[in-house]
Amino acid sequence: MEHTTRIELENLKDLHLAEAGVIAPKDVRKLTIEDALVDTGATGLCLPKSLVEKLGLTPLRTTRAQTANGIAERTIYSEVQYTVLERSDSIKVTDLPEDAPALVGHMILEALDLCVDIENGLIYNPAHDGEWRIKIL
């Protein structure tokens, strides 16, 4: 069964520049994907190249990735702040071919303490009574 989720993305470098007063908050590059595929076989956050470009992310390195079609070379980009179900964190982004959907992988689910429920899709972890237990430093 295929599940999708809404994910809000913001260029993390832009957010830091806005906090420092270097750019206006309205100039932070961001986008919302209404139907990102929740893919527990994916590791992190994977976006088609056009979305990476819209966010203005910086290429950091290339890596080899195991895909359903075999080994492929992918580019790792600078971080975004992401929000799913009102919970936020940050992660580096891996690019995908243009015809692929945005993928939300297991690292995001773990970071935000979310689970995939067969009937209800993405939910807060029921083992924690819906509470997100994080330590604020």
N, C-alpha and C. Protein backbone atom coordinates (compact mmCIF):
# COMPACT_ATOMS: atom_id res chain seq x y z
N MET A 1 0.84 -1.18 0.00
CA MET A 1 0.00 0.00 0.00
C MET A 1 0.89 1.25 0.00
N GLU A 2 0.57 2.19 -0.84
CA GLU A 2 1.35 3.42 -0.98
C GLU A 2 0.79 4.52 -0.09
N HIS A 3 1.69 5.17 0.66
CA HIS A 3 1.28 6.28 1.51
C HIS A 3 2.07 7.52 1.14
N THR A 4 1.40 8.66 1.17
CA THR A 4 2.06 9.94 0.90
C THR A 4 1.84 10.86 2.09
N THR A 5 2.64 11.92 2.12
CA THR A 5 2.52 12.90 3.19
C THR A 5 2.85 14.29 2.67
N ARG A 6 2.41 15.27 3.41
CA ARG A 6 2.76 16.66 3.13
C ARG A 6 4.07 16.97 3.85
N ILE A 7 5.02 17.56 3.14
CA ILE A 7 6.29 17.94 3.75
C ILE A 7 6.63 19.36 3.33
N GLU A 8 6.95 20.19 4.32
CA GLU A 8 7.36 21.57 4.06
C GLU A 8 8.88 21.62 4.16
N LEU A 9 9.51 22.28 3.19
CA LEU A 9 10.97 22.34 3.11
C LEU A 9 11.44 23.78 3.06
N GLU A 10 12.53 24.08 3.80
CA GLU A 10 13.14 25.40 3.77
C GLU A 10 14.65 25.23 3.68
N ASN A 11 15.30 26.04 2.85
CA ASN A 11 16.75 26.02 2.72
C ASN A 11 17.34 26.44 4.08
N LEU A 12 18.10 25.54 4.71
CA LEU A 12 18.60 25.80 6.05
C LEU A 12 19.62 26.95 6.07
N LYS A 13 20.45 27.06 5.04
CA LYS A 13 21.40 28.19 4.99
C LYS A 13 20.63 29.50 4.94
N ASP A 14 19.57 29.55 4.14
CA ASP A 14 18.75 30.76 4.06
C ASP A 14 18.14 31.09 5.42
N LEU A 15 17.67 30.08 6.14
CA LEU A 15 17.09 30.33 7.47
C LEU A 15 18.11 30.95 8.40
N HIS A 16 19.35 30.45 8.36
CA HIS A 16 20.41 31.01 9.21
C HIS A 16 20.72 32.45 8.81
N LEU A 17 20.76 32.72 7.50
CA LEU A 17 21.02 34.08 7.03
C LEU A 17 19.90 35.03 7.46
N ALA A 18 18.66 34.54 7.42
CA ALA A 18 17.53 35.37 7.85
C ALA A 18 17.61 35.64 9.36
N GLU A 19 17.97 34.64 10.14
CA GLU A 19 18.13 34.82 11.59
C GLU A 19 19.21 35.85 11.89
N ALA A 20 20.26 35.88 11.07
CA ALA A 20 21.37 36.82 11.29
C ALA A 20 21.07 38.20 10.71
N GLY A 21 19.92 38.35 10.05
CA GLY A 21 19.55 39.64 9.48
C GLY A 21 20.22 39.96 8.15
N VAL A 22 20.86 38.96 7.54
CA VAL A 22 21.54 39.16 6.26
C VAL A 22 20.54 39.19 5.11
N ILE A 23 19.51 38.35 5.21
CA ILE A 23 18.44 38.37 4.20
C ILE A 23 17.10 38.52 4.92
N ALA A 24 16.11 38.94 4.20
CA ALA A 24 14.77 39.07 4.78
C ALA A 24 14.14 37.68 4.90
N PRO A 25 13.34 37.44 5.93
CA PRO A 25 12.68 36.14 6.08
C PRO A 25 11.88 35.74 4.83
N LYS A 26 11.33 36.73 4.11
CA LYS A 26 10.55 36.42 2.90
C LYS A 26 11.43 35.87 1.78
N ASP A 27 12.76 36.04 1.90
CA ASP A 27 13.68 35.57 0.87
C ASP A 27 14.19 34.15 1.11
N VAL A 28 13.76 33.53 2.19
CA VAL A 28 14.13 32.13 2.45
C VAL A 28 13.44 31.27 1.39
N ARG A 29 14.25 30.48 0.68
CA ARG A 29 13.68 29.60 -0.35
C ARG A 29 13.02 28.41 0.33
N LYS A 30 11.76 28.19 -0.04
CA LYS A 30 10.99 27.11 0.57
C LYS A 30 9.95 26.59 -0.41
N LEU A 31 9.47 25.40 -0.11
CA LEU A 31 8.38 24.82 -0.91
C LEU A 31 7.67 23.77 -0.09
N THR A 32 6.47 23.46 -0.51
CA THR A 32 5.66 22.43 0.13
C THR A 32 5.32 21.37 -0.91
N ILE A 33 5.52 20.13 -0.54
CA ILE A 33 5.15 19.01 -1.40
C ILE A 33 3.97 18.32 -0.73
N GLU A 34 2.85 18.31 -1.40
CA GLU A 34 1.62 17.76 -0.81
C GLU A 34 1.57 16.24 -0.83
N ASP A 35 2.30 15.61 -1.76
CA ASP A 35 2.16 14.17 -1.95
C ASP A 35 3.52 13.46 -2.02
N ALA A 36 4.40 13.75 -1.06
CA ALA A 36 5.69 13.06 -1.01
C ALA A 36 5.44 11.60 -0.62
N LEU A 37 6.11 10.70 -1.30
CA LEU A 37 5.94 9.28 -1.05
C LEU A 37 6.70 8.86 0.20
N VAL A 38 6.01 8.26 1.16
CA VAL A 38 6.65 7.72 2.35
C VAL A 38 7.23 6.37 1.94
N ASP A 39 8.56 6.30 1.91
CA ASP A 39 9.26 5.13 1.40
C ASP A 39 10.22 4.62 2.46
N THR A 40 9.80 3.59 3.20
CA THR A 40 10.63 3.06 4.27
C THR A 40 11.87 2.35 3.72
N GLY A 41 11.93 2.14 2.42
CA GLY A 41 13.13 1.60 1.78
C GLY A 41 14.14 2.69 1.46
N ALA A 42 13.71 3.94 1.51
CA ALA A 42 14.62 5.07 1.28
C ALA A 42 15.27 5.45 2.61
N THR A 43 16.46 6.00 2.52
CA THR A 43 17.17 6.37 3.75
C THR A 43 16.75 7.73 4.27
N GLY A 44 16.92 8.77 3.46
CA GLY A 44 16.69 10.13 3.94
C GLY A 44 15.60 10.84 3.16
N LEU A 45 15.94 12.04 2.68
CA LEU A 45 15.02 12.83 1.88
C LEU A 45 15.58 12.91 0.47
N CYS A 46 14.82 12.45 -0.50
CA CYS A 46 15.25 12.42 -1.89
C CYS A 46 14.29 13.25 -2.72
N LEU A 47 14.85 14.18 -3.50
CA LEU A 47 14.02 15.10 -4.29
C LEU A 47 14.45 15.11 -5.75
N PRO A 48 13.48 15.25 -6.66
CA PRO A 48 13.84 15.46 -8.07
C PRO A 48 14.71 16.71 -8.19
N LYS A 49 15.60 16.71 -9.17
CA LYS A 49 16.57 17.79 -9.32
C LYS A 49 15.92 19.17 -9.43
N SER A 50 14.76 19.27 -10.06
CA SER A 50 14.12 20.59 -10.21
C SER A 50 13.74 21.17 -8.84
N LEU A 51 13.34 20.33 -7.90
CA LEU A 51 13.00 20.82 -6.56
C LEU A 51 14.25 21.21 -5.79
N VAL A 52 15.34 20.45 -5.99
CA VAL A 52 16.62 20.81 -5.38
C VAL A 52 17.03 22.20 -5.85
N GLU A 53 16.86 22.45 -7.15
CA GLU A 53 17.21 23.76 -7.72
C GLU A 53 16.32 24.87 -7.18
N LYS A 54 15.01 24.61 -7.05
CA LYS A 54 14.10 25.63 -6.51
C LYS A 54 14.49 26.02 -5.09
N LEU A 55 15.00 25.07 -4.33
CA LEU A 55 15.42 25.34 -2.96
C LEU A 55 16.80 25.99 -2.90
N GLY A 56 17.52 26.01 -4.02
CA GLY A 56 18.84 26.63 -4.06
C GLY A 56 19.88 25.88 -3.25
N LEU A 57 19.79 24.56 -3.21
CA LEU A 57 20.72 23.77 -2.41
C LEU A 57 22.07 23.64 -3.09
N THR A 58 23.12 23.49 -2.30
CA THR A 58 24.49 23.41 -2.78
C THR A 58 24.93 21.96 -2.86
N PRO A 59 25.51 21.53 -4.00
CA PRO A 59 26.03 20.16 -4.06
C PRO A 59 27.24 20.02 -3.14
N LEU A 60 27.29 18.91 -2.40
CA LEU A 60 28.37 18.66 -1.45
C LEU A 60 29.30 17.55 -1.90
N ARG A 61 28.72 16.45 -2.39
CA ARG A 61 29.51 15.30 -2.82
C ARG A 61 28.63 14.35 -3.63
N THR A 62 29.24 13.39 -4.27
CA THR A 62 28.47 12.35 -4.95
C THR A 62 28.64 11.05 -4.18
N THR A 63 27.70 10.17 -4.37
CA THR A 63 27.74 8.87 -3.70
C THR A 63 27.10 7.84 -4.62
N ARG A 64 27.36 6.61 -4.36
CA ARG A 64 26.70 5.52 -5.09
C ARG A 64 25.56 5.01 -4.22
N ALA A 65 24.41 4.84 -4.82
CA ALA A 65 23.23 4.42 -4.06
C ALA A 65 22.61 3.19 -4.70
N GLN A 66 22.14 2.28 -3.87
CA GLN A 66 21.40 1.11 -4.35
C GLN A 66 19.96 1.53 -4.59
N THR A 67 19.48 1.38 -5.80
CA THR A 67 18.10 1.72 -6.14
C THR A 67 17.38 0.48 -6.64
N ALA A 68 16.10 0.59 -6.87
CA ALA A 68 15.33 -0.53 -7.42
C ALA A 68 15.84 -0.94 -8.80
N ASN A 69 16.50 0.00 -9.49
CA ASN A 69 17.04 -0.28 -10.82
C ASN A 69 18.54 -0.58 -10.80
N GLY A 70 19.10 -0.80 -9.63
CA GLY A 70 20.53 -1.09 -9.52
C GLY A 70 21.28 0.07 -8.89
N ILE A 71 22.61 0.03 -9.01
CA ILE A 71 23.47 1.07 -8.44
C ILE A 71 23.38 2.32 -9.32
N ALA A 72 23.26 3.47 -8.66
CA ALA A 72 23.20 4.75 -9.38
C ALA A 72 24.05 5.77 -8.64
N GLU A 73 24.61 6.71 -9.39
CA GLU A 73 25.36 7.79 -8.76
C GLU A 73 24.39 8.92 -8.43
N ARG A 74 24.45 9.39 -7.20
CA ARG A 74 23.57 10.46 -6.73
C ARG A 74 24.41 11.59 -6.14
N THR A 75 23.85 12.78 -6.12
CA THR A 75 24.50 13.92 -5.51
C THR A 75 23.84 14.22 -4.18
N ILE A 76 24.67 14.49 -3.17
CA ILE A 76 24.19 14.90 -1.85
C ILE A 76 24.28 16.42 -1.81
N TYR A 77 23.21 17.07 -1.36
CA TYR A 77 23.12 18.53 -1.31
C TYR A 77 23.03 19.01 0.13
N SER A 78 23.21 20.32 0.29
CA SER A 78 23.13 20.97 1.60
C SER A 78 21.77 20.72 2.25
N GLU A 79 21.67 21.11 3.50
CA GLU A 79 20.51 20.76 4.33
C GLU A 79 19.28 21.62 4.10
N VAL A 80 18.15 20.99 4.37
CA VAL A 80 16.88 21.69 4.45
C VAL A 80 16.32 21.46 5.85
N GLN A 81 15.50 22.39 6.29
CA GLN A 81 14.67 22.13 7.46
C GLN A 81 13.36 21.60 6.90
N TYR A 82 12.89 20.51 7.45
CA TYR A 82 11.65 19.91 6.97
C TYR A 82 10.64 19.83 8.10
N THR A 83 9.37 19.88 7.72
CA THR A 83 8.28 19.74 8.69
C THR A 83 7.28 18.73 8.15
N VAL A 84 6.97 17.74 8.98
CA VAL A 84 5.96 16.73 8.67
C VAL A 84 5.09 16.59 9.92
N LEU A 85 3.79 16.65 9.74
CA LEU A 85 2.86 16.52 10.87
C LEU A 85 3.24 17.44 12.03
N GLU A 86 3.61 18.67 11.71
CA GLU A 86 3.94 19.72 12.68
C GLU A 86 5.21 19.46 13.48
N ARG A 87 6.03 18.50 13.05
CA ARG A 87 7.31 18.23 13.69
C ARG A 87 8.42 18.56 12.69
N SER A 88 9.50 19.17 13.18
CA SER A 88 10.56 19.64 12.29
C SER A 88 11.94 19.14 12.70
N ASP A 89 12.81 19.02 11.70
CA ASP A 89 14.21 18.69 11.90
C ASP A 89 14.93 19.12 10.62
N SER A 90 16.21 18.77 10.49
CA SER A 90 16.94 19.10 9.27
C SER A 90 17.68 17.88 8.76
N ILE A 91 17.97 17.90 7.45
CA ILE A 91 18.64 16.77 6.81
C ILE A 91 19.23 17.22 5.48
N LYS A 92 20.33 16.56 5.07
CA LYS A 92 20.87 16.77 3.73
C LYS A 92 19.95 16.07 2.74
N VAL A 93 19.99 16.52 1.49
CA VAL A 93 19.08 16.04 0.46
C VAL A 93 19.86 15.26 -0.60
N THR A 94 19.27 14.18 -1.07
CA THR A 94 19.81 13.41 -2.19
C THR A 94 18.94 13.68 -3.41
N ASP A 95 19.58 13.83 -4.57
CA ASP A 95 18.80 14.10 -5.77
C ASP A 95 18.24 12.82 -6.39
N LEU A 96 17.21 13.01 -7.17
CA LEU A 96 16.56 11.93 -7.91
C LEU A 96 16.33 12.39 -9.35
N PRO A 97 16.12 11.43 -10.25
CA PRO A 97 15.74 11.83 -11.61
C PRO A 97 14.42 12.60 -11.60
N GLU A 98 14.21 13.40 -12.61
CA GLU A 98 13.05 14.29 -12.67
C GLU A 98 11.72 13.55 -12.64
N ASP A 99 11.67 12.34 -13.16
CA ASP A 99 10.40 11.61 -13.22
C ASP A 99 10.07 10.85 -11.94
N ALA A 100 10.92 10.97 -10.93
CA ALA A 100 10.70 10.27 -9.66
C ALA A 100 9.94 11.17 -8.69
N PRO A 101 9.15 10.56 -7.79
CA PRO A 101 8.47 11.36 -6.76
C PRO A 101 9.43 11.71 -5.64
N ALA A 102 9.11 12.75 -4.88
CA ALA A 102 9.87 13.06 -3.67
C ALA A 102 9.69 11.89 -2.71
N LEU A 103 10.78 11.47 -2.07
CA LEU A 103 10.75 10.33 -1.15
C LEU A 103 11.09 10.76 0.27
N VAL A 104 10.27 10.36 1.21
CA VAL A 104 10.50 10.58 2.63
C VAL A 104 10.93 9.24 3.20
N GLY A 105 12.21 9.14 3.60
CA GLY A 105 12.76 7.88 4.05
C GLY A 105 12.70 7.66 5.56
N HIS A 106 13.24 6.53 5.96
CA HIS A 106 13.12 6.11 7.36
C HIS A 106 13.85 7.01 8.35
N MET A 107 14.92 7.72 7.92
CA MET A 107 15.61 8.62 8.85
C MET A 107 14.69 9.75 9.31
N ILE A 108 13.84 10.22 8.41
CA ILE A 108 12.88 11.27 8.78
C ILE A 108 11.84 10.72 9.74
N LEU A 109 11.34 9.53 9.45
CA LEU A 109 10.35 8.91 10.35
C LEU A 109 10.94 8.72 11.74
N GLU A 110 12.18 8.25 11.81
CA GLU A 110 12.81 8.05 13.11
C GLU A 110 13.06 9.37 13.83
N ALA A 111 13.55 10.37 13.10
CA ALA A 111 13.86 11.66 13.73
C ALA A 111 12.61 12.32 14.31
N LEU A 112 11.47 12.14 13.65
CA LEU A 112 10.23 12.78 14.09
C LEU A 112 9.33 11.85 14.89
N ASP A 113 9.80 10.61 15.14
CA ASP A 113 9.04 9.62 15.90
C ASP A 113 7.68 9.36 15.27
N LEU A 114 7.71 9.06 13.96
CA LEU A 114 6.50 8.76 13.21
C LEU A 114 6.53 7.30 12.76
N CYS A 115 5.35 6.75 12.48
CA CYS A 115 5.21 5.38 12.01
C CYS A 115 4.24 5.35 10.84
N VAL A 116 4.36 4.32 10.02
CA VAL A 116 3.40 4.11 8.94
C VAL A 116 2.38 3.10 9.43
N ASP A 117 1.13 3.50 9.44
CA ASP A 117 0.02 2.64 9.80
C ASP A 117 -0.68 2.23 8.50
N ILE A 118 -0.91 0.96 8.31
CA ILE A 118 -1.48 0.46 7.05
C ILE A 118 -2.79 1.16 6.72
N GLU A 119 -3.65 1.38 7.69
CA GLU A 119 -4.96 1.98 7.43
C GLU A 119 -4.94 3.51 7.43
N ASN A 120 -4.11 4.10 8.28
CA ASN A 120 -4.15 5.55 8.48
C ASN A 120 -2.97 6.32 7.88
N GLY A 121 -2.02 5.62 7.31
CA GLY A 121 -0.85 6.30 6.75
C GLY A 121 0.12 6.71 7.83
N LEU A 122 0.71 7.87 7.69
CA LEU A 122 1.72 8.35 8.63
C LEU A 122 1.06 8.84 9.91
N ILE A 123 1.53 8.31 11.05
CA ILE A 123 0.95 8.67 12.35
C ILE A 123 2.07 8.90 13.37
N TYR A 124 1.73 9.56 14.47
CA TYR A 124 2.66 9.69 15.58
C TYR A 124 2.85 8.31 16.19
N ASN A 125 4.04 8.03 16.70
CA ASN A 125 4.36 6.72 17.26
C ASN A 125 3.43 6.40 18.43
N PRO A 126 2.58 5.39 18.29
CA PRO A 126 1.62 5.07 19.36
C PRO A 126 2.31 4.56 20.63
N ALA A 127 3.54 4.06 20.52
CA ALA A 127 4.27 3.59 21.70
C ALA A 127 4.62 4.74 22.64
N HIS A 128 4.55 5.98 22.14
CA HIS A 128 4.87 7.15 22.96
C HIS A 128 3.65 8.03 23.19
N ASP A 129 2.47 7.45 23.04
CA ASP A 129 1.22 8.16 23.27
C ASP A 129 1.12 9.47 22.49
N GLY A 130 1.72 9.49 21.30
CA GLY A 130 1.65 10.68 20.46
C GLY A 130 2.57 11.81 20.87
N GLU A 131 3.35 11.61 21.95
CA GLU A 131 4.27 12.64 22.40
C GLU A 131 5.60 12.50 21.68
N TRP A 132 6.18 13.63 21.34
CA TRP A 132 7.50 13.64 20.70
C TRP A 132 8.51 13.97 21.78
N ARG A 133 9.32 13.01 22.13
CA ARG A 133 10.26 13.20 23.23
C ARG A 133 11.61 13.61 22.68
N ILE A 134 11.84 14.92 22.75
CA ILE A 134 13.12 15.45 22.29
C ILE A 134 13.75 16.24 23.42
N LYS A 135 15.05 16.38 23.34
CA LYS A 135 15.79 17.16 24.33
C LYS A 135 16.17 18.47 23.69
N ILE A 136 15.75 19.57 24.25
CA ILE A 136 16.13 20.89 23.78
C ILE A 136 17.41 21.29 24.50
N LEU A 137 18.43 21.63 23.73
CA LEU A 137 19.71 22.02 24.36
C LEU A 137 19.76 23.49 24.62
